[in-house]
C-alpha cells in the first residue's frame, strides 16, 4: 500500500507541475499547486487501493466458500446422503477438479494468494 500511495503522490506532483509549467505560472505557484496535487492524488490512490484490496478479499472469500460447499456436496454424495440445500431439487454439483501439483518455484501472488495457474493456495 505504501508503494501505491507514493506512486499516486508522485504522479499527482508531476501532473500538477506540468500543468503549472504549461500555464506559465511562477515557480512558487507551480510548487504550491504540485504539493497540493501530490497530497490529494496520494489520498485518492490510497482510497482506490483500499477499494481494490477489499474487492480482492471478497472474491477470495467467495471462492473459498464455493470450494467448501463443493467439498461438502462431494462428501455428502460419497456418503449417500442428499446434498444440503434449501430443500428443493438441486442438480448434482459438478465434480471437484483434481488437485494439481504446483510448478517448482511457482510462488503464490502476495495480494491475491493465487498461484500463476489461477488456483488458490491451500
PDB file of N, CA and C in Angstrom:
ATOM      1  N   UNK A   1       0.827  -1.183   0.000  1.00  0.00           N
ATOM      2  CA  UNK A   1       0.000   0.000   0.000  1.00  0.00           C
ATOM      3  C   UNK A   1       0.873   1.248   0.000  1.00  0.00           C
ATOM      4  N   UNK A   2       2.008   1.178   0.692  1.00  0.00           N
ATOM      5  CA  UNK A   2       2.883   2.331   0.757  1.00  0.00           C
ATOM      6  C   UNK A   2       3.392   2.695  -0.633  1.00  0.00           C
ATOM      7  N   UNK A   3       3.725   1.685  -1.427  1.00  0.00           N
ATOM      8  CA  UNK A   3       4.231   1.939  -2.771  1.00  0.00           C
ATOM      9  C   UNK A   3       3.157   2.595  -3.624  1.00  0.00           C
ATOM     10  N   UNK A   4       1.925   2.120  -3.501  1.00  0.00           N
ATOM     11  CA  UNK A   4       0.820   2.694  -4.264  1.00  0.00           C
ATOM     12  C   UNK A   4       0.568   4.139  -3.832  1.00  0.00           C
ATOM     13  N   UNK A   5       0.652   4.400  -2.544  1.00  0.00           N
ATOM     14  CA  UNK A   5       0.478   5.746  -2.001  1.00  0.00           C
ATOM     15  C   UNK A   5       1.556   6.681  -2.553  1.00  0.00           C
ATOM     16  N   UNK A   6       2.799   6.223  -2.528  1.00  0.00           N
ATOM     17  CA  UNK A   6       3.903   7.044  -3.025  1.00  0.00           C
ATOM     18  C   UNK A   6       3.806   7.267  -4.534  1.00  0.00           C
ATOM     19  N   UNK A   7       3.440   6.226  -5.270  1.00  0.00           N
ATOM     20  CA  UNK A   7       3.316   6.361  -6.726  1.00  0.00           C
ATOM     21  C   UNK A   7       2.190   7.337  -7.082  1.00  0.00           C
ATOM     22  N   UNK A   8       1.080   7.267  -6.337  1.00  0.00           N
ATOM     23  CA  UNK A   8      -0.022   8.197  -6.582  1.00  0.00           C
ATOM     24  C   UNK A   8       0.379   9.633  -6.297  1.00  0.00           C
ATOM     25  N   UNK A   9       1.100   9.838  -5.214  1.00  0.00           N
ATOM     26  CA  UNK A   9       1.569  11.184  -4.891  1.00  0.00           C
ATOM     27  C   UNK A   9       2.546  11.718  -5.915  1.00  0.00           C
ATOM     28  N   UNK A  10       3.460  10.864  -6.369  1.00  0.00           N
ATOM     29  CA  UNK A  10       4.446  11.275  -7.372  1.00  0.00           C
ATOM     30  C   UNK A  10       3.754  11.634  -8.687  1.00  0.00           C
ATOM     31  N   UNK A  11       2.784  10.814  -9.081  1.00  0.00           N
ATOM     32  CA  UNK A  11       2.056  11.088 -10.322  1.00  0.00           C
ATOM     33  C   UNK A  11       1.292  12.407 -10.214  1.00  0.00           C
ATOM     34  N   UNK A  12       0.657  12.658  -9.068  1.00  0.00           N
ATOM     35  CA  UNK A  12      -0.065  13.905  -8.873  1.00  0.00           C
ATOM     36  C   UNK A  12       0.857  15.110  -8.900  1.00  0.00           C
ATOM     37  N   UNK A  13       2.035  14.958  -8.308  1.00  0.00           N
ATOM     38  CA  UNK A  13       3.012  16.042  -8.332  1.00  0.00           C
ATOM     39  C   UNK A  13       3.429  16.355  -9.761  1.00  0.00           C
ATOM     40  N   UNK A  14       3.749  15.306 -10.535  1.00  0.00           N
ATOM     41  CA  UNK A  14       4.184  15.519 -11.915  1.00  0.00           C
ATOM     42  C   UNK A  14       3.090  16.150 -12.769  1.00  0.00           C
ATOM     43  N   UNK A  15       1.865  15.674 -12.622  1.00  0.00           N
ATOM     44  CA  UNK A  15       0.760  16.207 -13.431  1.00  0.00           C
ATOM     45  C   UNK A  15       0.513  17.680 -13.102  1.00  0.00           C
ATOM     46  N   UNK A  16       0.481  18.007 -11.817  1.00  0.00           N
ATOM     47  CA  UNK A  16       0.220  19.397 -11.423  1.00  0.00           C
ATOM     48  C   UNK A  16       1.384  20.309 -11.785  1.00  0.00           C
ATOM     49  N   UNK A  17       2.605  19.807 -11.661  1.00  0.00           N
ATOM     50  CA  UNK A  17       3.767  20.622 -12.035  1.00  0.00           C
ATOM     51  C   UNK A  17       3.776  20.864 -13.545  1.00  0.00           C
ATOM     52  N   UNK A  18       3.460  19.840 -14.326  1.00  0.00           N
ATOM     53  CA  UNK A  18       3.422  20.013 -15.780  1.00  0.00           C
ATOM     54  C   UNK A  18       2.313  20.983 -16.177  1.00  0.00           C
ATOM     55  N   UNK A  19       1.173  20.894 -15.522  1.00  0.00           N
ATOM     56  CA  UNK A  19       0.077  21.811 -15.831  1.00  0.00           C
ATOM     57  C   UNK A  19       0.457  23.243 -15.479  1.00  0.00           C
ATOM     58  N   UNK A  20       1.152  23.436 -14.365  1.00  0.00           N
ATOM     59  CA  UNK A  20       1.589  24.778 -13.980  1.00  0.00           C
ATOM     60  C   UNK A  20       2.618  25.332 -14.943  1.00  0.00           C
ATOM     61  N   UNK A  21       3.543  24.482 -15.392  1.00  0.00           N
ATOM     62  CA  UNK A  21       4.539  24.928 -16.368  1.00  0.00           C
ATOM     63  C   UNK A  21       3.882  25.318 -17.686  1.00  0.00           C
ATOM     64  N   UNK A  22       2.951  24.495 -18.147  1.00  0.00           N
ATOM     65  CA  UNK A  22       2.269  24.799 -19.408  1.00  0.00           C
ATOM     66  C   UNK A  22       1.402  26.052 -19.304  1.00  0.00           C
ATOM     67  N   UNK A  23       0.897  26.327 -18.115  1.00  0.00           N
ATOM     68  CA  UNK A  23       0.072  27.515 -17.911  1.00  0.00           C
ATOM     69  C   UNK A  23       0.923  28.767 -17.743  1.00  0.00           C
ATOM     70  N   UNK A  24       2.228  28.606 -17.560  1.00  0.00           N
ATOM     71  CA  UNK A  24       3.120  29.750 -17.434  1.00  0.00           C
ATOM     72  C   UNK A  24       3.122  30.379 -16.055  1.00  0.00           C
ATOM     73  N   UNK A  25       2.847  29.616 -15.014  1.00  0.00           N
ATOM     74  CA  UNK A  25       2.842  30.147 -13.650  1.00  0.00           C
ATOM     75  C   UNK A  25       4.271  30.347 -13.154  1.00  0.00           C
ATOM     76  N   UNK A  26       4.393  31.111 -12.085  1.00  0.00           N
ATOM     77  CA  UNK A  26       5.703  31.321 -11.459  1.00  0.00           C
ATOM     78  C   UNK A  26       6.109  30.052 -10.706  1.00  0.00           C
ATOM     79  N   UNK A  27       7.414  29.870 -10.448  1.00  0.00           N
ATOM     80  CA  UNK A  27       7.856  28.652  -9.751  1.00  0.00           C
ATOM     81  C   UNK A  27       7.211  28.459  -8.378  1.00  0.00           C
ATOM     82  N   UNK A  28       6.948  29.515  -7.658  1.00  0.00           N
ATOM     83  CA  UNK A  28       6.296  29.390  -6.361  1.00  0.00           C
ATOM     84  C   UNK A  28       4.897  28.798  -6.474  1.00  0.00           C
ATOM     85  N   UNK A  29       4.142  29.283  -7.438  1.00  0.00           N
ATOM     86  CA  UNK A  29       2.793  28.741  -7.647  1.00  0.00           C
ATOM     87  C   UNK A  29       2.844  27.307  -8.156  1.00  0.00           C
ATOM     88  N   UNK A  30       3.815  27.020  -8.991  1.00  0.00           N
ATOM     89  CA  UNK A  30       3.933  25.661  -9.531  1.00  0.00           C
ATOM     90  C   UNK A  30       4.175  24.666  -8.399  1.00  0.00           C
ATOM     91  N   UNK A  31       5.122  24.979  -7.519  1.00  0.00           N
ATOM     92  CA  UNK A  31       5.431  24.056  -6.420  1.00  0.00           C
ATOM     93  C   UNK A  31       4.290  23.955  -5.407  1.00  0.00           C
ATOM     94  N   UNK A  32       3.604  25.073  -5.153  1.00  0.00           N
ATOM     95  CA  UNK A  32       2.465  25.016  -4.238  1.00  0.00           C
ATOM     96  C   UNK A  32       1.363  24.126  -4.802  1.00  0.00           C
ATOM     97  N   UNK A  33       1.006  24.350  -6.062  1.00  0.00           N
ATOM     98  CA  UNK A  33      -0.038  23.545  -6.689  1.00  0.00           C
ATOM     99  C   UNK A  33       0.386  22.085  -6.814  1.00  0.00           C
ATOM    100  N   UNK A  34       1.662  21.846  -7.108  1.00  0.00           N
ATOM    101  CA  UNK A  34       2.151  20.470  -7.228  1.00  0.00           C
ATOM    102  C   UNK A  34       2.117  19.762  -5.872  1.00  0.00           C
ATOM    103  N   UNK A  35       2.422  20.489  -4.787  1.00  0.00           N
ATOM    104  CA  UNK A  35       2.371  19.879  -3.454  1.00  0.00           C
ATOM    105  C   UNK A  35       0.932  19.523  -3.080  1.00  0.00           C
ATOM    106  N   UNK A  36       0.005  20.408  -3.396  1.00  0.00           N
ATOM    107  CA  UNK A  36      -1.402  20.111  -3.110  1.00  0.00           C
ATOM    108  C   UNK A  36      -1.873  18.937  -3.968  1.00  0.00           C
ATOM    109  N   UNK A  37      -1.491  18.925  -5.233  1.00  0.00           N
ATOM    110  CA  UNK A  37      -1.846  17.820  -6.119  1.00  0.00           C
ATOM    111  C   UNK A  37      -1.246  16.504  -5.667  1.00  0.00           C
ATOM    112  N   UNK A  38      -0.022  16.568  -5.142  1.00  0.00           N
ATOM    113  CA  UNK A  38       0.647  15.371  -4.621  1.00  0.00           C
ATOM    114  C   UNK A  38      -0.149  14.786  -3.460  1.00  0.00           C
ATOM    115  N   UNK A  39      -0.532  15.611  -2.528  1.00  0.00           N
ATOM    116  CA  UNK A  39      -1.276  15.146  -1.359  1.00  0.00           C
ATOM    117  C   UNK A  39      -2.635  14.569  -1.758  1.00  0.00           C
ATOM    118  N   UNK A  40      -3.365  15.291  -2.593  1.00  0.00           N
ATOM    119  CA  UNK A  40      -4.704  14.831  -2.979  1.00  0.00           C
ATOM    120  C   UNK A  40      -4.652  13.549  -3.803  1.00  0.00           C
ATOM    121  N   UNK A  41      -3.699  13.458  -4.732  1.00  0.00           N
ATOM    122  CA  UNK A  41      -3.636  12.233  -5.537  1.00  0.00           C
ATOM    123  C   UNK A  41      -3.128  11.055  -4.715  1.00  0.00           C
ATOM    124  N   UNK A  42      -2.280  11.293  -3.730  1.00  0.00           N
ATOM    125  CA  UNK A  42      -1.846  10.204  -2.852  1.00  0.00           C
ATOM    126  C   UNK A  42      -3.017   9.683  -2.023  1.00  0.00           C
ATOM    127  N   UNK A  43      -3.844  10.581  -1.509  1.00  0.00           N
ATOM    128  CA  UNK A  43      -5.024  10.151  -0.754  1.00  0.00           C
ATOM    129  C   UNK A  43      -6.022   9.427  -1.653  1.00  0.00           C
ATOM    130  N   UNK A  44      -6.170   9.901  -2.883  1.00  0.00           N
ATOM    131  CA  UNK A  44      -7.063   9.233  -3.830  1.00  0.00           C
ATOM    132  C   UNK A  44      -6.536   7.838  -4.171  1.00  0.00           C
ATOM    133  N   UNK A  45      -5.233   7.707  -4.356  1.00  0.00           N
ATOM    134  CA  UNK A  45      -4.640   6.397  -4.643  1.00  0.00           C
ATOM    135  C   UNK A  45      -4.802   5.460  -3.453  1.00  0.00           C
ATOM    136  N   UNK A  46      -4.668   6.006  -2.245  1.00  0.00           N
ATOM    137  CA  UNK A  46      -4.853   5.184  -1.043  1.00  0.00           C
ATOM    138  C   UNK A  46      -6.296   4.677  -0.954  1.00  0.00           C
ATOM    139  N   UNK A  47      -7.269   5.532  -1.229  1.00  0.00           N
ATOM    140  CA  UNK A  47      -8.668   5.117  -1.223  1.00  0.00           C
ATOM    141  C   UNK A  47      -8.912   4.053  -2.290  1.00  0.00           C
ATOM    142  N   UNK A  48      -8.389   4.284  -3.493  1.00  0.00           N
ATOM    143  CA  UNK A  48      -8.589   3.317  -4.579  1.00  0.00           C
ATOM    144  C   UNK A  48      -7.973   1.973  -4.208  1.00  0.00           C
ATOM    145  N   UNK A  49      -6.800   1.988  -3.582  1.00  0.00           N
ATOM    146  CA  UNK A  49      -6.158   0.735  -3.191  1.00  0.00           C
ATOM    147  C   UNK A  49      -6.998  -0.010  -2.152  1.00  0.00           C
ATOM    148  N   UNK A  50      -7.592   0.714  -1.209  1.00  0.00           N
ATOM    149  CA  UNK A  50      -8.410   0.045  -0.195  1.00  0.00           C
ATOM    150  C   UNK A  50      -9.658  -0.577  -0.833  1.00  0.00           C
ATOM    151  N   UNK A  51     -10.244   0.094  -1.824  1.00  0.00           N
ATOM    152  CA  UNK A  51     -11.392  -0.476  -2.533  1.00  0.00           C
ATOM    153  C   UNK A  51     -10.967  -1.718  -3.300  1.00  0.00           C
ATOM    154  N   UNK A  52      -9.827  -1.640  -3.972  1.00  0.00           N
ATOM    155  CA  UNK A  52      -9.325  -2.768  -4.744  1.00  0.00           C
ATOM    156  C   UNK A  52      -8.990  -3.952  -3.840  1.00  0.00           C
ATOM    157  N   UNK A  53      -8.326  -3.699  -2.731  1.00  0.00           N
ATOM    158  CA  UNK A  53      -7.977  -4.775  -1.800  1.00  0.00           C
ATOM    159  C   UNK A  53      -9.238  -5.403  -1.200  1.00  0.00           C
ATOM    160  N   UNK A  54     -10.243  -4.589  -0.889  1.00  0.00           N
ATOM    161  CA  UNK A  54     -11.497  -5.127  -0.373  1.00  0.00           C
ATOM    162  C   UNK A  54     -12.200  -6.027  -1.383  1.00  0.00           C
ATOM    163  N   UNK A  55     -12.154  -5.642  -2.650  1.00  0.00           N
ATOM    164  CA  UNK A  55     -12.756  -6.470  -3.695  1.00  0.00           C
ATOM    165  C   UNK A  55     -12.018  -7.791  -3.844  1.00  0.00           C
ATOM    166  N   UNK A  56     -10.707  -7.750  -3.723  1.00  0.00           N
ATOM    167  CA  UNK A  56      -9.908  -8.980  -3.819  1.00  0.00           C
ATOM    168  C   UNK A  56     -10.240  -9.907  -2.651  1.00  0.00           C
ATOM    169  N   UNK A  57     -10.354  -9.354  -1.459  1.00  0.00           N
ATOM    170  CA  UNK A  57     -10.678 -10.161  -0.282  1.00  0.00           C
ATOM    171  C   UNK A  57     -12.067 -10.787  -0.436  1.00  0.00           C
ATOM    172  N   UNK A  58     -13.037 -10.025  -0.930  1.00  0.00           N
ATOM    173  CA  UNK A  58     -14.378 -10.564  -1.133  1.00  0.00           C
ATOM    174  C   UNK A  58     -14.378 -11.675  -2.180  1.00  0.00           C
ATOM    175  N   UNK A  59     -13.604 -11.502  -3.247  1.00  0.00           N
ATOM    176  CA  UNK A  59     -13.524 -12.523  -4.288  1.00  0.00           C
ATOM    177  C   UNK A  59     -12.921 -13.804  -3.745  1.00  0.00           C
ATOM    178  N   UNK A  60     -11.838 -13.677  -2.976  1.00  0.00           N
ATOM    179  CA  UNK A  60     -11.210 -14.863  -2.398  1.00  0.00           C
ATOM    180  C   UNK A  60     -12.136 -15.555  -1.404  1.00  0.00           C
ATOM    181  N   UNK A  61     -12.878 -14.777  -0.623  1.00  0.00           N
ATOM    182  CA  UNK A  61     -13.814 -15.376   0.325  1.00  0.00           C
ATOM    183  C   UNK A  61     -14.925 -16.127  -0.416  1.00  0.00           C
ATOM    184  N   UNK A  62     -15.404 -15.568  -1.508  1.00  0.00           N
ATOM    185  CA  UNK A  62     -16.442 -16.246  -2.293  1.00  0.00           C
ATOM    186  C   UNK A  62     -15.901 -17.536  -2.909  1.00  0.00           C
ATOM    187  N   UNK A  63     -14.657 -17.505  -3.379  1.00  0.00           N
ATOM    188  CA  UNK A  63     -14.055 -18.719  -3.942  1.00  0.00           C
ATOM    189  C   UNK A  63     -13.888 -19.794  -2.874  1.00  0.00           C
ATOM    190  N   UNK A  64     -13.433 -19.380  -1.700  1.00  0.00           N
ATOM    191  CA  UNK A  64     -13.257 -20.354  -0.618  1.00  0.00           C
ATOM    192  C   UNK A  64     -14.603 -20.941  -0.195  1.00  0.00           C
ATOM    193  N   UNK A  65     -15.630 -20.104  -0.141  1.00  0.00           N
ATOM    194  CA  UNK A  65     -16.950 -20.588   0.240  1.00  0.00           C
ATOM    195  C   UNK A  65     -17.482 -21.570  -0.796  1.00  0.00           C
ATOM    196  N   UNK A  66     -17.291 -21.255  -2.076  1.00  0.00           N
ATOM    197  CA  UNK A  66     -17.756 -22.150  -3.133  1.00  0.00           C
ATOM    198  C   UNK A  66     -16.994 -23.473  -3.093  1.00  0.00           C
ATOM    199  N   UNK A  67     -15.696 -23.410  -2.818  1.00  0.00           N
ATOM    200  CA  UNK A  67     -14.900 -24.641  -2.736  1.00  0.00           C
ATOM    201  C   UNK A  67     -15.342 -25.480  -1.541  1.00  0.00           C
ATOM    202  N   UNK A  68     -15.647 -24.834  -0.417  1.00  0.00           N
ATOM    203  CA  UNK A  68     -16.094 -25.570   0.766  1.00  0.00           C
ATOM    204  C   UNK A  68     -17.458 -26.214   0.515  1.00  0.00           C
ATOM    205  N   UNK A  69     -18.354 -25.490  -0.162  1.00  0.00           N
ATOM    206  CA  UNK A  69     -19.664 -26.058  -0.477  1.00  0.00           C
ATOM    207  C   UNK A  69     -19.537 -27.229  -1.433  1.00  0.00           C
ATOM    208  N   UNK A  70     -18.635 -27.114  -2.407  1.00  0.00           N
ATOM    209  CA  UNK A  70     -18.431 -28.216  -3.348  1.00  0.00           C
ATOM    210  C   UNK A  70     -17.845 -29.432  -2.643  1.00  0.00           C
ATOM    211  N   UNK A  71     -16.918 -29.200  -1.725  1.00  0.00           N
ATOM    212  CA  UNK A  71     -16.338 -30.308  -0.971  1.00  0.00           C
ATOM    213  C   UNK A  71     -17.391 -30.961  -0.075  1.00  0.00           C
ATOM    214  N   UNK A  72     -18.251 -30.149   0.528  1.00  0.00           N
ATOM    215  CA  UNK A  72     -19.309 -30.681   1.380  1.00  0.00           C
ATOM    216  C   UNK A  72     -20.291 -31.508   0.551  1.00  0.00           C
ATOM    217  N   UNK A  73     -20.636 -31.015  -0.634  1.00  0.00           N
ATOM    218  CA  UNK A  73     -21.552 -31.748  -1.506  1.00  0.00           C
ATOM    219  C   UNK A  73     -20.918 -33.048  -1.978  1.00  0.00           C
ATOM    220  N   UNK A  74     -19.630 -33.024  -2.279  1.00  0.00           N
ATOM    221  CA  UNK A  74     -18.948 -34.244  -2.710  1.00  0.00           C
ATOM    222  C   UNK A  74     -18.878 -35.250  -1.566  1.00  0.00           C
ATOM    223  N   UNK A  75     -18.641 -34.769  -0.368  1.00  0.00           N
ATOM    224  CA  UNK A  75     -18.592 -35.646   0.792  1.00  0.00           C
ATOM    225  C   UNK A  75     -19.966 -36.249   1.064  1.00  0.00           C
ATOM    226  N   UNK A  76     -21.005 -35.416   0.947  1.00  0.00           N
ATOM    227  CA  UNK A  76     -22.367 -35.912   1.167  1.00  0.00           C
ATOM    228  C   UNK A  76     -22.748 -36.930   0.088  1.00  0.00           C
ATOM    229  N   UNK A  77     -22.323 -36.693  -1.140  1.00  0.00           N
ATOM    230  CA  UNK A  77     -22.616 -37.637  -2.222  1.00  0.00           C
ATOM    231  C   UNK A  77     -21.877 -38.950  -2.004  1.00  0.00           C
ATOM    232  N   UNK A  78     -20.674 -38.874  -1.481  1.00  0.00           N
ATOM    233  CA  UNK A  78     -19.905 -40.086  -1.212  1.00  0.00           C
ATOM    234  C   UNK A  78     -20.532 -40.882  -0.067  1.00  0.00           C
ATOM    235  N   UNK A  79     -21.173 -40.211   0.870  1.00  0.00           N
ATOM    236  CA  UNK A  79     -21.821 -40.875   1.996  1.00  0.00           C
ATOM    237  C   UNK A  79     -23.220 -41.370   1.633  1.00  0.00           C
ATOM    238  N   UNK A  80     -23.733 -40.940   0.490  1.00  0.00           N
ATOM    239  CA  UNK A  80     -25.056 -41.359   0.067  1.00  0.00           C
ATOM    240  C   UNK A  80     -26.167 -40.492   0.609  1.00  0.00           C
ATOM    241  N   UNK A  81     -25.837 -39.440   1.278  1.00  0.00           N
ATOM    242  CA  UNK A  81     -26.846 -38.535   1.831  1.00  0.00           C
ATOM    243  C   UNK A  81     -27.194 -37.484   0.781  1.00  0.00           C
ATOM    244  N   UNK A  82     -28.417 -36.952   0.840  1.00  0.00           N
ATOM    245  CA  UNK A  82     -28.753 -35.885  -0.106  1.00  0.00           C
ATOM    246  C   UNK A  82     -27.924 -34.645   0.218  1.00  0.00           C
ATOM    247  N   UNK A  83     -27.577 -33.858  -0.787  1.00  0.00           N
ATOM    248  CA  UNK A  83     -26.781 -32.660  -0.522  1.00  0.00           C
ATOM    249  C   UNK A  83     -27.573 -31.649   0.292  1.00  0.00           C
ATOM    250  N   UNK A  84     -26.861 -30.956   1.163  1.00  0.00           N
ATOM    251  CA  UNK A  84     -27.505 -29.926   1.972  1.00  0.00           C
ATOM    252  C   UNK A  84     -27.912 -28.787   1.061  1.00  0.00           C
ATOM    253  N   UNK A  85     -29.047 -28.215   1.305  1.00  0.00           N
ATOM    254  CA  UNK A  85     -29.509 -27.122   0.465  1.00  0.00           C
ATOM    255  C   UNK A  85     -30.761 -26.523   1.034  1.00  0.00           C
ATOM    256  N   UNK A  86     -31.571 -25.973   0.147  1.00  0.00           N
ATOM    257  CA  UNK A  86     -32.781 -25.298   0.600  1.00  0.00           C
ATOM    258  C   UNK A  86     -34.007 -26.203   0.558  1.00  0.00           C
ATOM    259  N   UNK A  87     -33.829 -27.503   0.361  1.00  0.00           N
ATOM    260  CA  UNK A  87     -34.936 -28.432   0.366  1.00  0.00           C
ATOM    261  C   UNK A  87     -35.561 -28.646  -0.994  1.00  0.00           C
ATOM    262  N   UNK A  88     -35.119 -27.952  -2.008  1.00  0.00           N
ATOM    263  CA  UNK A  88     -35.657 -28.123  -3.354  1.00  0.00           C
ATOM    264  C   UNK A  88     -34.797 -29.140  -4.091  1.00  0.00           C
ATOM    265  N   UNK A  89     -35.281 -29.591  -5.221  1.00  0.00           N
ATOM    266  CA  UNK A  89     -34.485 -30.500  -6.040  1.00  0.00           C
ATOM    267  C   UNK A  89     -33.351 -29.721  -6.679  1.00  0.00           C
ATOM    268  N   UNK A  90     -32.168 -29.926  -6.181  1.00  0.00           N
ATOM    269  CA  UNK A  90     -30.987 -29.257  -6.711  1.00  0.00           C
ATOM    270  C   UNK A  90     -30.270 -30.202  -7.651  1.00  0.00           C
ATOM    271  N   UNK A  91     -29.779 -29.699  -8.759  1.00  0.00           N
ATOM    272  CA  UNK A  91     -28.998 -30.566  -9.637  1.00  0.00           C
ATOM    273  C   UNK A  91     -27.703 -30.958  -8.931  1.00  0.00           C
ATOM    274  N   UNK A  92     -27.152 -32.116  -9.279  1.00  0.00           N
ATOM    275  CA  UNK A  92     -25.920 -32.521  -8.601  1.00  0.00           C
ATOM    276  C   UNK A  92     -24.783 -31.550  -8.903  1.00  0.00           C
ATOM    277  N   UNK A  93     -23.945 -31.380  -7.926  1.00  0.00           N
ATOM    278  CA  UNK A  93     -22.805 -30.483  -8.087  1.00  0.00           C
ATOM    279  C   UNK A  93     -21.792 -31.126  -9.022  1.00  0.00           C
ATOM    280  N   UNK A  94     -21.112 -30.313  -9.826  1.00  0.00           N
ATOM    281  CA  UNK A  94     -20.086 -30.882 -10.695  1.00  0.00           C
ATOM    282  C   UNK A  94     -18.946 -31.429  -9.848  1.00  0.00           C
ATOM    283  N   UNK A  95     -18.239 -32.432 -10.358  1.00  0.00           N
ATOM    284  CA  UNK A  95     -17.145 -32.988  -9.571  1.00  0.00           C
ATOM    285  C   UNK A  95     -16.047 -31.960  -9.353  1.00  0.00           C
ATOM    286  N   UNK A  96     -15.421 -32.055  -8.201  1.00  0.00           N
ATOM    287  CA  UNK A  96     -14.346 -31.134  -7.875  1.00  0.00           C
ATOM    288  C   UNK A  96     -13.147 -31.441  -8.757  1.00  0.00           C
ATOM    289  N   UNK A  97     -12.416 -30.398  -9.212  1.00  0.00           N
ATOM    290  CA  UNK A  97     -11.251 -30.649 -10.047  1.00  0.00           C
ATOM    291  C   UNK A  97     -10.154 -31.337  -9.246  1.00  0.00           C
ATOM    292  N   UNK A  98      -9.387 -32.145  -9.930  1.00  0.00           N
ATOM    293  CA  UNK A  98      -8.291 -32.846  -9.274  1.00  0.00           C
ATOM    294  C   UNK A  98      -7.231 -31.842  -8.860  1.00  0.00           C
ATOM    295  N   UNK A  99      -6.653 -32.077  -7.712  1.00  0.00           N
ATOM    296  CA  UNK A  99      -5.609 -31.176  -7.227  1.00  0.00           C
ATOM    297  C   UNK A  99      -4.361 -31.358  -8.077  1.00  0.00           C
ATOM    298  N   UNK A 100      -3.827 -30.249  -8.526  1.00  0.00           N
ATOM    299  CA  UNK A 100      -2.615 -30.323  -9.332  1.00  0.00           C
ATOM    300  C   UNK A 100      -1.418 -29.920  -8.486  1.00  0.00           C
ATOM    301  N   UNK A 101      -0.299 -30.445  -8.838  1.00  0.00           N
ATOM    302  CA  UNK A 101       0.923 -30.106  -8.108  1.00  0.00           C
ATOM    303  C   UNK A 101       1.447 -28.788  -8.646  1.00  0.00           C
ATOM    304  N   UNK A 102       1.893 -27.904  -7.759  1.00  0.00           N
ATOM    305  CA  UNK A 102       2.407 -26.622  -8.232  1.00  0.00           C
ATOM    306  C   UNK A 102       3.730 -26.801  -8.960  1.00  0.00           C
ATOM    307  N   UNK A 103       3.957 -25.926  -9.904  1.00  0.00           N
ATOM    308  CA  UNK A 103       5.215 -25.928 -10.627  1.00  0.00           C
ATOM    309  C   UNK A 103       6.317 -25.529  -9.650  1.00  0.00           C
ATOM    310  N   UNK A 104       7.470 -26.215  -9.691  1.00  0.00           N
ATOM    311  CA  UNK A 104       8.556 -25.821  -8.783  1.00  0.00           C
ATOM    312  C   UNK A 104       8.913 -24.354  -9.000  1.00  0.00           C
ATOM    313  N   UNK A 105       8.973 -23.624  -7.920  1.00  0.00           N
ATOM    314  CA  UNK A 105       9.328 -22.211  -7.979  1.00  0.00           C
ATOM    315  C   UNK A 105       8.140 -21.294  -8.222  1.00  0.00           C
ATOM    316  N   UNK A 106       6.943 -21.832  -8.407  1.00  0.00           N
ATOM    317  CA  UNK A 106       5.768 -21.002  -8.644  1.00  0.00           C
ATOM    318  C   UNK A 106       5.178 -20.607  -7.300  1.00  0.00           C
ATOM    319  N   UNK A 107       5.542 -19.439  -6.833  1.00  0.00           N
ATOM    320  CA  UNK A 107       5.047 -18.963  -5.550  1.00  0.00           C
ATOM    321  C   UNK A 107       3.719 -18.249  -5.740  1.00  0.00           C
ATOM    322  N   UNK A 108       2.833 -18.280  -4.724  1.00  0.00           N
ATOM    323  CA  UNK A 108       1.557 -17.585  -4.851  1.00  0.00           C
ATOM    324  C   UNK A 108       1.767 -16.072  -4.862  1.00  0.00           C
ATOM    325  N   UNK A 109       0.842 -15.381  -5.508  1.00  0.00           N
ATOM    326  CA  UNK A 109       0.883 -13.928  -5.564  1.00  0.00           C
ATOM    327  C   UNK A 109       0.585 -13.374  -4.178  1.00  0.00           C
ATOM    328  N   UNK A 110       1.259 -12.292  -3.792  1.00  0.00           N
ATOM    329  CA  UNK A 110       1.129 -11.764  -2.438  1.00  0.00           C
ATOM    330  C   UNK A 110      -0.240 -11.161  -2.173  1.00  0.00           C
ATOM    331  N   UNK A 111      -0.862 -10.531  -3.151  1.00  0.00           N
ATOM    332  CA  UNK A 111      -2.137  -9.861  -2.920  1.00  0.00           C
ATOM    333  C   UNK A 111      -3.298 -10.827  -3.081  1.00  0.00           C
ATOM    334  N   UNK A 112      -3.323 -11.563  -4.211  1.00  0.00           N
ATOM    335  CA  UNK A 112      -4.474 -12.407  -4.493  1.00  0.00           C
ATOM    336  C   UNK A 112      -4.383 -13.766  -3.835  1.00  0.00           C
ATOM    337  N   UNK A 113      -3.158 -14.253  -3.534  1.00  0.00           N
ATOM    338  CA  UNK A 113      -2.993 -15.575  -2.948  1.00  0.00           C
ATOM    339  C   UNK A 113      -3.165 -16.685  -3.959  1.00  0.00           C
ATOM    340  N   UNK A 114      -3.172 -16.345  -5.248  1.00  0.00           N
ATOM    341  CA  UNK A 114      -3.352 -17.348  -6.278  1.00  0.00           C
ATOM    342  C   UNK A 114      -2.007 -17.736  -6.878  1.00  0.00           C
ATOM    343  N   UNK A 115      -1.923 -18.973  -7.287  1.00  0.00           N
ATOM    344  CA  UNK A 115      -0.730 -19.421  -8.000  1.00  0.00           C
ATOM    345  C   UNK A 115      -0.819 -18.894  -9.430  1.00  0.00           C
ATOM    346  N   UNK A 116       0.288 -18.937 -10.188  1.00  0.00           N
ATOM    347  CA  UNK A 116       0.248 -18.480 -11.573  1.00  0.00           C
ATOM    348  C   UNK A 116      -0.775 -19.235 -12.412  1.00  0.00           C
ATOM    349  N   UNK A 117      -1.121 -20.465 -12.033  1.00  0.00           N
ATOM    350  CA  UNK A 117      -2.114 -21.222 -12.796  1.00  0.00           C
ATOM    351  C   UNK A 117      -3.537 -20.748 -12.499  1.00  0.00           C
ATOM    352  N   UNK A 118      -3.716 -19.878 -11.500  1.00  0.00           N
ATOM    353  CA  UNK A 118      -5.040 -19.365 -11.157  1.00  0.00           C
ATOM    354  C   UNK A 118      -5.710 -20.123 -10.032  1.00  0.00           C
ATOM    355  N   UNK A 119      -5.064 -21.182  -9.520  1.00  0.00           N
ATOM    356  CA  UNK A 119      -5.660 -21.955  -8.444  1.00  0.00           C
ATOM    357  C   UNK A 119      -5.262 -21.351  -7.101  1.00  0.00           C
ATOM    358  N   UNK A 120      -6.188 -21.368  -6.127  1.00  0.00           N
ATOM    359  CA  UNK A 120      -5.856 -20.798  -4.818  1.00  0.00           C
ATOM    360  C   UNK A 120      -4.855 -21.673  -4.085  1.00  0.00           C
ATOM    361  N   UNK A 121      -4.112 -21.055  -3.191  1.00  0.00           N
ATOM    362  CA  UNK A 121      -3.194 -21.814  -2.344  1.00  0.00           C
ATOM    363  C   UNK A 121      -3.992 -22.595  -1.327  1.00  0.00           C
ATOM    364  N   UNK A 122      -3.446 -23.658  -0.851  1.00  0.00           N
ATOM    365  CA  UNK A 122      -4.174 -24.496   0.125  1.00  0.00           C
ATOM    366  C   UNK A 122      -3.507 -24.470   1.440  1.00  0.00           C
TER     367      UNK A 122
END
